[in-house]
PDB file of N, CA and C in Angstrom:
ATOM      1  N   MET A   1      28.680  -0.473-105.325  1.00  0.00           N
ATOM      2  CA  MET A   1      27.631  -1.266-105.907  1.00  0.00           C
ATOM      3  C   MET A   1      26.806  -1.938-104.815  1.00  0.00           C
ATOM      4  N   HIS A   2      27.454  -2.412-103.777  1.00  0.00           N
ATOM      5  CA  HIS A   2      26.744  -3.082-102.696  1.00  0.00           C
ATOM      6  C   HIS A   2      25.756  -2.127-102.032  1.00  0.00           C
ATOM      7  N   GLY A   3      26.151  -0.872-101.858  1.00  0.00           N
ATOM      8  CA  GLY A   3      25.255   0.119-101.257  1.00  0.00           C
ATOM      9  C   GLY A   3      23.999   0.326-102.083  1.00  0.00           C
ATOM     10  N   SER A   4      24.114   0.303-103.387  1.00  0.00           N
ATOM     11  CA  SER A   4      22.954   0.473-104.254  1.00  0.00           C
ATOM     12  C   SER A   4      21.981  -0.684-104.105  1.00  0.00           C
ATOM     13  N   ALA A   5      22.510  -1.893-104.035  1.00  0.00           N
ATOM     14  CA  ALA A   5      21.652  -3.069-103.891  1.00  0.00           C
ATOM     15  C   ALA A   5      20.904  -3.012-102.569  1.00  0.00           C
ATOM     16  N   THR A   6      21.589  -2.598-101.506  1.00  0.00           N
ATOM     17  CA  THR A   6      20.945  -2.490-100.205  1.00  0.00           C
ATOM     18  C   THR A   6      19.866  -1.426-100.250  1.00  0.00           C
ATOM     19  N   HIS A   7      20.166  -0.300-100.855  1.00  0.00           N
ATOM     20  CA  HIS A   7      19.185   0.774-100.960  1.00  0.00           C
ATOM     21  C   HIS A   7      17.969   0.310-101.753  1.00  0.00           C
ATOM     22  N   PHE A   8      18.211  -0.402-102.838  1.00  0.00           N
ATOM     23  CA  PHE A   8      17.113  -0.915-103.657  1.00  0.00           C
ATOM     24  C   PHE A   8      16.252  -1.884-102.852  1.00  0.00           C
ATOM     25  N   SER A   9      16.891  -2.760-102.072  1.00  0.00           N
ATOM     26  CA  SER A   9      16.152  -3.727-101.270  1.00  0.00           C
ATOM     27  C   SER A   9      15.245  -3.026-100.278  1.00  0.00           C
ATOM     28  N   LYS A  10      15.756  -2.002 -99.625  1.00  0.00           N
ATOM     29  CA  LYS A  10      14.945  -1.278 -98.654  1.00  0.00           C
ATOM     30  C   LYS A  10      13.772  -0.594 -99.344  1.00  0.00           C
ATOM     31  N   ARG A  11      14.002  -0.028-100.513  1.00  0.00           N
ATOM     32  CA  ARG A  11      12.913   0.610-101.255  1.00  0.00           C
ATOM     33  C   ARG A  11      11.865  -0.428-101.646  1.00  0.00           C
ATOM     34  N   GLY A  12      12.309  -1.600-102.058  1.00  0.00           N
ATOM     35  CA  GLY A  12      11.390  -2.668-102.445  1.00  0.00           C
ATOM     36  C   GLY A  12      10.513  -3.098-101.285  1.00  0.00           C
ATOM     37  N   LEU A  13      11.101  -3.171-100.099  1.00  0.00           N
ATOM     38  CA  LEU A  13      10.325  -3.534 -98.920  1.00  0.00           C
ATOM     39  C   LEU A  13       9.306  -2.463 -98.587  1.00  0.00           C
ATOM     40  N   ALA A  14       9.696  -1.220 -98.693  1.00  0.00           N
ATOM     41  CA  ALA A  14       8.772  -0.129 -98.398  1.00  0.00           C
ATOM     42  C   ALA A  14       7.590  -0.150 -99.356  1.00  0.00           C
ATOM     43  N   VAL A  15       7.854  -0.420-100.611  1.00  0.00           N
ATOM     44  CA  VAL A  15       6.779  -0.485-101.595  1.00  0.00           C
ATOM     45  C   VAL A  15       5.843  -1.644-101.275  1.00  0.00           C
ATOM     46  N   ALA A  16       6.391  -2.780-100.880  1.00  0.00           N
ATOM     47  CA  ALA A  16       5.563  -3.939-100.553  1.00  0.00           C
ATOM     48  C   ALA A  16       4.664  -3.628 -99.368  1.00  0.00           C
ATOM     49  N   ARG A  17       5.174  -2.917 -98.378  1.00  0.00           N
ATOM     50  CA  ARG A  17       4.378  -2.585 -97.199  1.00  0.00           C
ATOM     51  C   ARG A  17       3.251  -1.633 -97.553  1.00  0.00           C
ATOM     52  N   VAL A  18       3.516  -0.676 -98.387  1.00  0.00           N
ATOM     53  CA  VAL A  18       2.498   0.287 -98.768  1.00  0.00           C
ATOM     54  C   VAL A  18       1.407  -0.382 -99.588  1.00  0.00           C
ATOM     55  N   GLY A  19       1.794  -1.267-100.496  1.00  0.00           N
ATOM     56  CA  GLY A  19       0.837  -1.923-101.379  1.00  0.00           C
ATOM     57  C   GLY A  19      -0.115  -2.843-100.646  1.00  0.00           C
ATOM     58  N   SER A  20       0.379  -3.643 -99.732  1.00  0.00           N
ATOM     59  CA  SER A  20      -0.463  -4.568 -98.989  1.00  0.00           C
ATOM     60  C   SER A  20       0.118  -4.780 -97.604  1.00  0.00           C
ATOM     61  N   PRO A  21      -0.581  -4.297 -96.605  1.00  0.00           N
ATOM     62  CA  PRO A  21      -0.070  -4.443 -95.247  1.00  0.00           C
ATOM     63  C   PRO A  21       0.054  -5.919 -94.881  1.00  0.00           C
ATOM     64  N   LYS A  22       1.108  -6.256 -94.175  1.00  0.00           N
ATOM     65  CA  LYS A  22       1.337  -7.635 -93.793  1.00  0.00           C
ATOM     66  C   LYS A  22       1.234  -7.751 -92.283  1.00  0.00           C
ATOM     67  N   ALA A  23       0.416  -8.676 -91.839  1.00  0.00           N
ATOM     68  CA  ALA A  23       0.241  -8.903 -90.414  1.00  0.00           C
ATOM     69  C   ALA A  23       1.537  -9.420 -89.805  1.00  0.00           C
ATOM     70  N   LYS A  24       1.819  -8.996 -88.592  1.00  0.00           N
ATOM     71  CA  LYS A  24       2.980  -9.511 -87.880  1.00  0.00           C
ATOM     72  C   LYS A  24       2.675 -10.898 -87.325  1.00  0.00           C
ATOM     73  N   SER A  25       1.432 -11.141 -87.013  1.00  0.00           N
ATOM     74  CA  SER A  25       1.018 -12.419 -86.457  1.00  0.00           C
ATOM     75  C   SER A  25       0.845 -13.450 -87.572  1.00  0.00           C
ATOM     76  N   SER A  26       1.525 -14.583 -87.428  1.00  0.00           N
ATOM     77  CA  SER A  26       1.379 -15.636 -88.440  1.00  0.00           C
ATOM     78  C   SER A  26      -0.042 -16.194 -88.423  1.00  0.00           C
ATOM     79  N   LEU A  27      -0.688 -16.185 -87.268  1.00  0.00           N
ATOM     80  CA  LEU A  27      -2.076 -16.642 -87.197  1.00  0.00           C
ATOM     81  C   LEU A  27      -2.970 -15.772 -88.067  1.00  0.00           C
ATOM     82  N   VAL A  28      -2.832 -14.460 -87.937  1.00  0.00           N
ATOM     83  CA  VAL A  28      -3.646 -13.540 -88.731  1.00  0.00           C
ATOM     84  C   VAL A  28      -3.327 -13.708 -90.216  1.00  0.00           C
ATOM     85  N   ARG A  29      -2.048 -13.837 -90.558  1.00  0.00           N
ATOM     86  CA  ARG A  29      -1.679 -14.043 -91.971  1.00  0.00           C
ATOM     87  C   ARG A  29      -2.361 -15.282 -92.527  1.00  0.00           C
ATOM     88  N   ARG A  30      -2.360 -16.372 -91.771  1.00  0.00           N
ATOM     89  CA  ARG A  30      -2.976 -17.621 -92.250  1.00  0.00           C
ATOM     90  C   ARG A  30      -4.490 -17.501 -92.348  1.00  0.00           C
ATOM     91  N   LEU A  31      -5.108 -16.835 -91.378  1.00  0.00           N
ATOM     92  CA  LEU A  31      -6.565 -16.710 -91.396  1.00  0.00           C
ATOM     93  C   LEU A  31      -7.040 -15.819 -92.541  1.00  0.00           C
ATOM     94  N   VAL A  32      -6.293 -14.771 -92.830  1.00  0.00           N
ATOM     95  CA  VAL A  32      -6.675 -13.839 -93.891  1.00  0.00           C
ATOM     96  C   VAL A  32      -6.420 -14.446 -95.267  1.00  0.00           C
ATOM     97  N   ALA A  33      -5.383 -15.266 -95.383  1.00  0.00           N
ATOM     98  CA  ALA A  33      -5.015 -15.839 -96.676  1.00  0.00           C
ATOM     99  C   ALA A  33      -5.951 -16.957 -97.123  1.00  0.00           C
ATOM    100  N   THR A  34      -6.659 -17.561 -96.204  1.00  0.00           N
ATOM    101  CA  THR A  34      -7.501 -18.703 -96.550  1.00  0.00           C
ATOM    102  C   THR A  34      -8.798 -18.271 -97.225  1.00  0.00           C
ATOM    103  N   GLU A  35      -9.250 -19.073 -98.156  1.00  0.00           N
ATOM    104  CA  GLU A  35     -10.510 -18.789 -98.828  1.00  0.00           C
ATOM    105  C   GLU A  35     -11.461 -19.976 -98.744  1.00  0.00           C
ATOM    106  N   ASN A  36     -10.913 -21.183 -98.782  1.00  0.00           N
ATOM    107  CA  ASN A  36     -11.755 -22.366 -98.881  1.00  0.00           C
ATOM    108  C   ASN A  36     -11.744 -23.234 -97.633  1.00  0.00           C
ATOM    109  N   ASP A  37     -11.335 -22.685 -96.515  1.00  0.00           N
ATOM    110  CA  ASP A  37     -11.269 -23.471 -95.292  1.00  0.00           C
ATOM    111  C   ASP A  37     -12.324 -22.981 -94.309  1.00  0.00           C
ATOM    112  N   PRO A  38     -13.430 -23.708 -94.174  1.00  0.00           N
ATOM    113  CA  PRO A  38     -14.510 -23.266 -93.299  1.00  0.00           C
ATOM    114  C   PRO A  38     -14.083 -23.119 -91.838  1.00  0.00           C
ATOM    115  N   ALA A  39     -13.177 -23.961 -91.370  1.00  0.00           N
ATOM    116  CA  ALA A  39     -12.728 -23.877 -89.980  1.00  0.00           C
ATOM    117  C   ALA A  39     -11.984 -22.567 -89.729  1.00  0.00           C
ATOM    118  N   LYS A  40     -11.111 -22.191 -90.660  1.00  0.00           N
ATOM    119  CA  LYS A  40     -10.372 -20.938 -90.491  1.00  0.00           C
ATOM    120  C   LYS A  40     -11.298 -19.734 -90.606  1.00  0.00           C
ATOM    121  N   ARG A  41     -12.321 -19.828 -91.450  1.00  0.00           N
ATOM    122  CA  ARG A  41     -13.301 -18.740 -91.539  1.00  0.00           C
ATOM    123  C   ARG A  41     -14.061 -18.591 -90.224  1.00  0.00           C
ATOM    124  N   ARG A  42     -14.397 -19.721 -89.581  1.00  0.00           N
ATOM    125  CA  ARG A  42     -15.099 -19.661 -88.292  1.00  0.00           C
ATOM    126  C   ARG A  42     -14.210 -19.051 -87.213  1.00  0.00           C
ATOM    127  N   ILE A  43     -12.936 -19.433 -87.207  1.00  0.00           N
ATOM    128  CA  ILE A  43     -11.997 -18.871 -86.227  1.00  0.00           C
ATOM    129  C   ILE A  43     -11.859 -17.372 -86.436  1.00  0.00           C
ATOM    130  N   ARG A  44     -11.738 -16.959 -87.680  1.00  0.00           N
ATOM    131  CA  ARG A  44     -11.625 -15.522 -87.983  1.00  0.00           C
ATOM    132  C   ARG A  44     -12.880 -14.777 -87.528  1.00  0.00           C
ATOM    133  N   ALA A  45     -14.044 -15.351 -87.786  1.00  0.00           N
ATOM    134  CA  ALA A  45     -15.297 -14.726 -87.368  1.00  0.00           C
ATOM    135  C   ALA A  45     -15.349 -14.623 -85.839  1.00  0.00           C
ATOM    136  N   TRP A  46     -14.922 -15.660 -85.154  1.00  0.00           N
ATOM    137  CA  TRP A  46     -14.922 -15.643 -83.694  1.00  0.00           C
ATOM    138  C   TRP A  46     -13.976 -14.565 -83.169  1.00  0.00           C
ATOM    139  N   LEU A  47     -12.781 -14.484 -83.756  1.00  0.00           N
ATOM    140  CA  LEU A  47     -11.816 -13.482 -83.311  1.00  0.00           C
ATOM    141  C   LEU A  47     -12.306 -12.058 -83.570  1.00  0.00           C
ATOM    142  N   THR A  48     -12.984 -11.839 -84.682  1.00  0.00           N
ATOM    143  CA  THR A  48     -13.449 -10.477 -84.982  1.00  0.00           C
ATOM    144  C   THR A  48     -14.558 -10.039 -84.031  1.00  0.00           C
ATOM    145  N   GLU A  49     -15.187 -10.978 -83.335  1.00  0.00           N
ATOM    146  CA  GLU A  49     -16.198 -10.627 -82.334  1.00  0.00           C
ATOM    147  C   GLU A  49     -15.572 -10.123 -81.037  1.00  0.00           C
ATOM    148  N   LEU A  50     -14.295 -10.410 -80.823  1.00  0.00           N
ATOM    149  CA  LEU A  50     -13.597  -9.931 -79.627  1.00  0.00           C
ATOM    150  C   LEU A  50     -13.273  -8.457 -79.788  1.00  0.00           C
ATOM    151  N   ASP A  51     -13.214  -7.733 -78.676  1.00  0.00           N
ATOM    152  CA  ASP A  51     -12.857  -6.317 -78.784  1.00  0.00           C
ATOM    153  C   ASP A  51     -11.335  -6.179 -78.899  1.00  0.00           C
ATOM    154  N   ASP A  52     -10.890  -4.978 -79.232  1.00  0.00           N
ATOM    155  CA  ASP A  52      -9.471  -4.730 -79.490  1.00  0.00           C
ATOM    156  C   ASP A  52      -8.600  -5.075 -78.284  1.00  0.00           C
ATOM    157  N   GLU A  53      -9.085  -4.785 -77.084  1.00  0.00           N
ATOM    158  CA  GLU A  53      -8.308  -5.064 -75.878  1.00  0.00           C
ATOM    159  C   GLU A  53      -8.085  -6.574 -75.703  1.00  0.00           C
ATOM    160  N   GLN A  54      -9.115  -7.349 -75.973  1.00  0.00           N
ATOM    161  CA  GLN A  54      -8.985  -8.807 -75.871  1.00  0.00           C
ATOM    162  C   GLN A  54      -8.017  -9.341 -76.917  1.00  0.00           C
ATOM    163  N   LEU A  55      -8.102  -8.817 -78.134  1.00  0.00           N
ATOM    164  CA  LEU A  55      -7.191  -9.251 -79.191  1.00  0.00           C
ATOM    165  C   LEU A  55      -5.755  -8.853 -78.872  1.00  0.00           C
ATOM    166  N   ALA A  56      -5.572  -7.665 -78.312  1.00  0.00           N
ATOM    167  CA  ALA A  56      -4.231  -7.229 -77.915  1.00  0.00           C
ATOM    168  C   ALA A  56      -3.699  -8.144 -76.814  1.00  0.00           C
ATOM    169  N   GLY A  57      -4.585  -8.595 -75.937  1.00  0.00           N
ATOM    170  CA  GLY A  57      -4.193  -9.528 -74.889  1.00  0.00           C
ATOM    171  C   GLY A  57      -3.722 -10.867 -75.439  1.00  0.00           C
ATOM    172  N   LEU A  58      -4.149 -11.193 -76.637  1.00  0.00           N
ATOM    173  CA  LEU A  58      -3.696 -12.409 -77.312  1.00  0.00           C
ATOM    174  C   LEU A  58      -2.390 -12.190 -78.071  1.00  0.00           C
ATOM    175  N   GLY A  59      -1.880 -10.960 -78.023  1.00  0.00           N
ATOM    176  CA  GLY A  59      -0.598 -10.657 -78.657  1.00  0.00           C
ATOM    177  C   GLY A  59      -0.701 -10.025 -80.024  1.00  0.00           C
ATOM    178  N   LEU A  60      -1.910  -9.661 -80.460  1.00  0.00           N
ATOM    179  CA  LEU A  60      -2.051  -9.036 -81.767  1.00  0.00           C
ATOM    180  C   LEU A  60      -1.761  -7.540 -81.675  1.00  0.00           C
ATOM    181  N   THR A  61      -1.103  -7.017 -82.693  1.00  0.00           N
ATOM    182  CA  THR A  61      -0.839  -5.578 -82.759  1.00  0.00           C
ATOM    183  C   THR A  61      -2.076  -4.885 -83.331  1.00  0.00           C
ATOM    184  N   SER A  62      -2.099  -3.563 -83.256  1.00  0.00           N
ATOM    185  CA  SER A  62      -3.232  -2.825 -83.821  1.00  0.00           C
ATOM    186  C   SER A  62      -3.319  -3.045 -85.331  1.00  0.00           C
ATOM    187  N   GLU A  63      -2.168  -3.209 -85.990  1.00  0.00           N
ATOM    188  CA  GLU A  63      -2.173  -3.502 -87.426  1.00  0.00           C
ATOM    189  C   GLU A  63      -2.750  -4.898 -87.689  1.00  0.00           C
ATOM    190  N   ASP A  64      -2.376  -5.878 -86.869  1.00  0.00           N
ATOM    191  CA  ASP A  64      -2.944  -7.223 -86.998  1.00  0.00           C
ATOM    192  C   ASP A  64      -4.465  -7.186 -86.861  1.00  0.00           C
ATOM    193  N   ILE A  65      -4.934  -6.435 -85.889  1.00  0.00           N
ATOM    194  CA  ILE A  65      -6.373  -6.344 -85.633  1.00  0.00           C
ATOM    195  C   ILE A  65      -7.084  -5.717 -86.826  1.00  0.00           C
ATOM    196  N   ALA A  66      -6.511  -4.654 -87.381  1.00  0.00           N
ATOM    197  CA  ALA A  66      -7.117  -3.998 -88.540  1.00  0.00           C
ATOM    198  C   ALA A  66      -7.173  -4.956 -89.739  1.00  0.00           C
ATOM    199  N   ILE A  67      -6.103  -5.711 -89.957  1.00  0.00           N
ATOM    200  CA  ILE A  67      -6.071  -6.668 -91.059  1.00  0.00           C
ATOM    201  C   ILE A  67      -7.088  -7.780 -90.825  1.00  0.00           C
ATOM    202  N   LEU A  68      -7.165  -8.267 -89.599  1.00  0.00           N
ATOM    203  CA  LEU A  68      -8.114  -9.321 -89.264  1.00  0.00           C
ATOM    204  C   LEU A  68      -9.549  -8.871 -89.520  1.00  0.00           C
ATOM    205  N   ARG A  69      -9.839  -7.631 -89.174  1.00  0.00           N
ATOM    206  CA  ARG A  69     -11.180  -7.094 -89.356  1.00  0.00           C
ATOM    207  C   ARG A  69     -11.430  -6.651 -90.797  1.00  0.00           C
ATOM    208  N   GLY A  70     -10.376  -6.593 -91.602  1.00  0.00           N
ATOM    209  CA  GLY A  70     -10.532  -6.204 -93.002  1.00  0.00           C
ATOM    210  C   GLY A  70     -10.666  -4.710 -93.193  1.00  0.00           C
ATOM    211  N   THR A  71     -10.108  -3.925 -92.276  1.00  0.00           N
ATOM    212  CA  THR A  71     -10.247  -2.468 -92.358  1.00  0.00           C
ATOM    213  C   THR A  71      -9.003  -1.785 -92.892  1.00  0.00           C
ATOM    214  N   THR A  72      -8.086  -2.547 -93.509  1.00  0.00           N
ATOM    215  CA  THR A  72      -6.888  -1.900 -94.054  1.00  0.00           C
ATOM    216  C   THR A  72      -7.000  -1.775 -95.545  1.00  0.00           C
TER     217      THR A  72
END
Protein backbone atom coordinates (compact mmCIF):
# COMPACT_ATOMS: atom_id res chain seq x y z
CA MET A 1 0.00 0.00 0.00
CA HIS A 2 2.83 2.39 0.81
CA GLY A 3 4.31 1.88 -2.67
CA SER A 4 1.02 2.88 -4.28
CA ALA A 5 0.82 6.10 -2.28
CA THR A 6 4.37 6.99 -3.27
CA HIS A 7 3.66 6.24 -6.90
CA PHE A 8 0.50 8.35 -6.77
CA SER A 9 2.42 11.25 -5.19
CA LYS A 10 5.02 11.20 -7.93
CA ARG A 11 2.32 11.13 -10.60
CA GLY A 12 0.58 14.07 -8.91
CA LEU A 13 3.78 16.09 -8.97
CA ALA A 14 4.36 15.33 -12.62
CA VAL A 15 0.86 16.48 -13.48
CA ALA A 16 1.35 19.70 -11.52
CA ARG A 17 4.58 20.44 -13.40
CA VAL A 18 3.00 19.86 -16.78
CA GLY A 19 -0.05 21.98 -15.98
CA SER A 20 1.83 25.04 -14.75
CA PRO A 21 5.58 25.37 -14.70
CA LYS A 22 6.93 26.49 -11.35
CA ALA A 23 9.94 28.75 -11.11
CA LYS A 24 12.83 27.48 -9.01
CA SER A 25 13.62 31.02 -7.95
CA SER A 26 11.42 32.31 -5.14
CA LEU A 27 11.97 35.83 -6.49
CA VAL A 28 10.51 34.88 -9.86
CA ARG A 29 7.60 33.04 -8.18
CA ARG A 30 6.77 36.16 -6.13
CA LEU A 31 7.10 38.54 -9.07
CA VAL A 32 4.91 36.42 -11.35
CA ALA A 33 2.26 35.82 -8.68
CA THR A 34 1.70 39.50 -7.94
CA GLU A 35 -1.04 41.44 -9.65
CA ASN A 36 -1.65 44.56 -7.59
CA ASP A 37 1.85 45.53 -6.51
CA PRO A 38 3.29 48.29 -8.70
CA ALA A 39 6.78 47.91 -7.21
CA LYS A 40 6.95 44.22 -8.08
CA ARG A 41 5.65 44.96 -11.58
CA ARG A 42 8.45 47.52 -12.04
CA ILE A 43 11.07 45.03 -10.82
CA ARG A 44 9.73 42.39 -13.19
CA ALA A 45 9.80 44.86 -16.08
CA TRP A 46 13.38 45.83 -15.22
CA LEU A 47 14.48 42.19 -15.04
CA THR A 48 12.86 41.32 -18.37
CA GLU A 49 14.99 44.04 -20.00
CA LEU A 50 18.15 42.12 -19.03
CA ASP A 51 19.44 39.52 -21.46
CA ASP A 52 19.46 35.81 -20.62
CA GLU A 53 23.17 35.80 -19.74
CA GLN A 54 22.70 38.58 -17.19
CA LEU A 55 19.70 36.83 -15.66
CA ALA A 56 21.64 33.56 -15.48
CA GLY A 57 24.39 35.50 -13.72
CA LEU A 58 21.82 36.40 -11.07
CA GLY A 59 21.18 32.69 -10.53
CA LEU A 60 18.04 32.24 -12.62
CA THR A 61 17.60 29.02 -14.59
CA SER A 62 16.43 29.01 -18.20
CA GLU A 63 13.00 27.91 -16.93
CA ASP A 64 12.93 30.84 -14.47
CA ILE A 65 13.79 33.22 -17.30
CA ALA A 66 11.04 31.83 -19.53
CA ILE A 67 8.48 32.16 -16.72
CA LEU A 68 9.65 35.68 -15.92
CA ARG A 69 9.27 36.69 -19.55
CA GLY A 70 5.89 34.96 -19.77
CA THR A 71 6.92 32.60 -22.56
CA THR A 72 5.87 29.34 -20.91
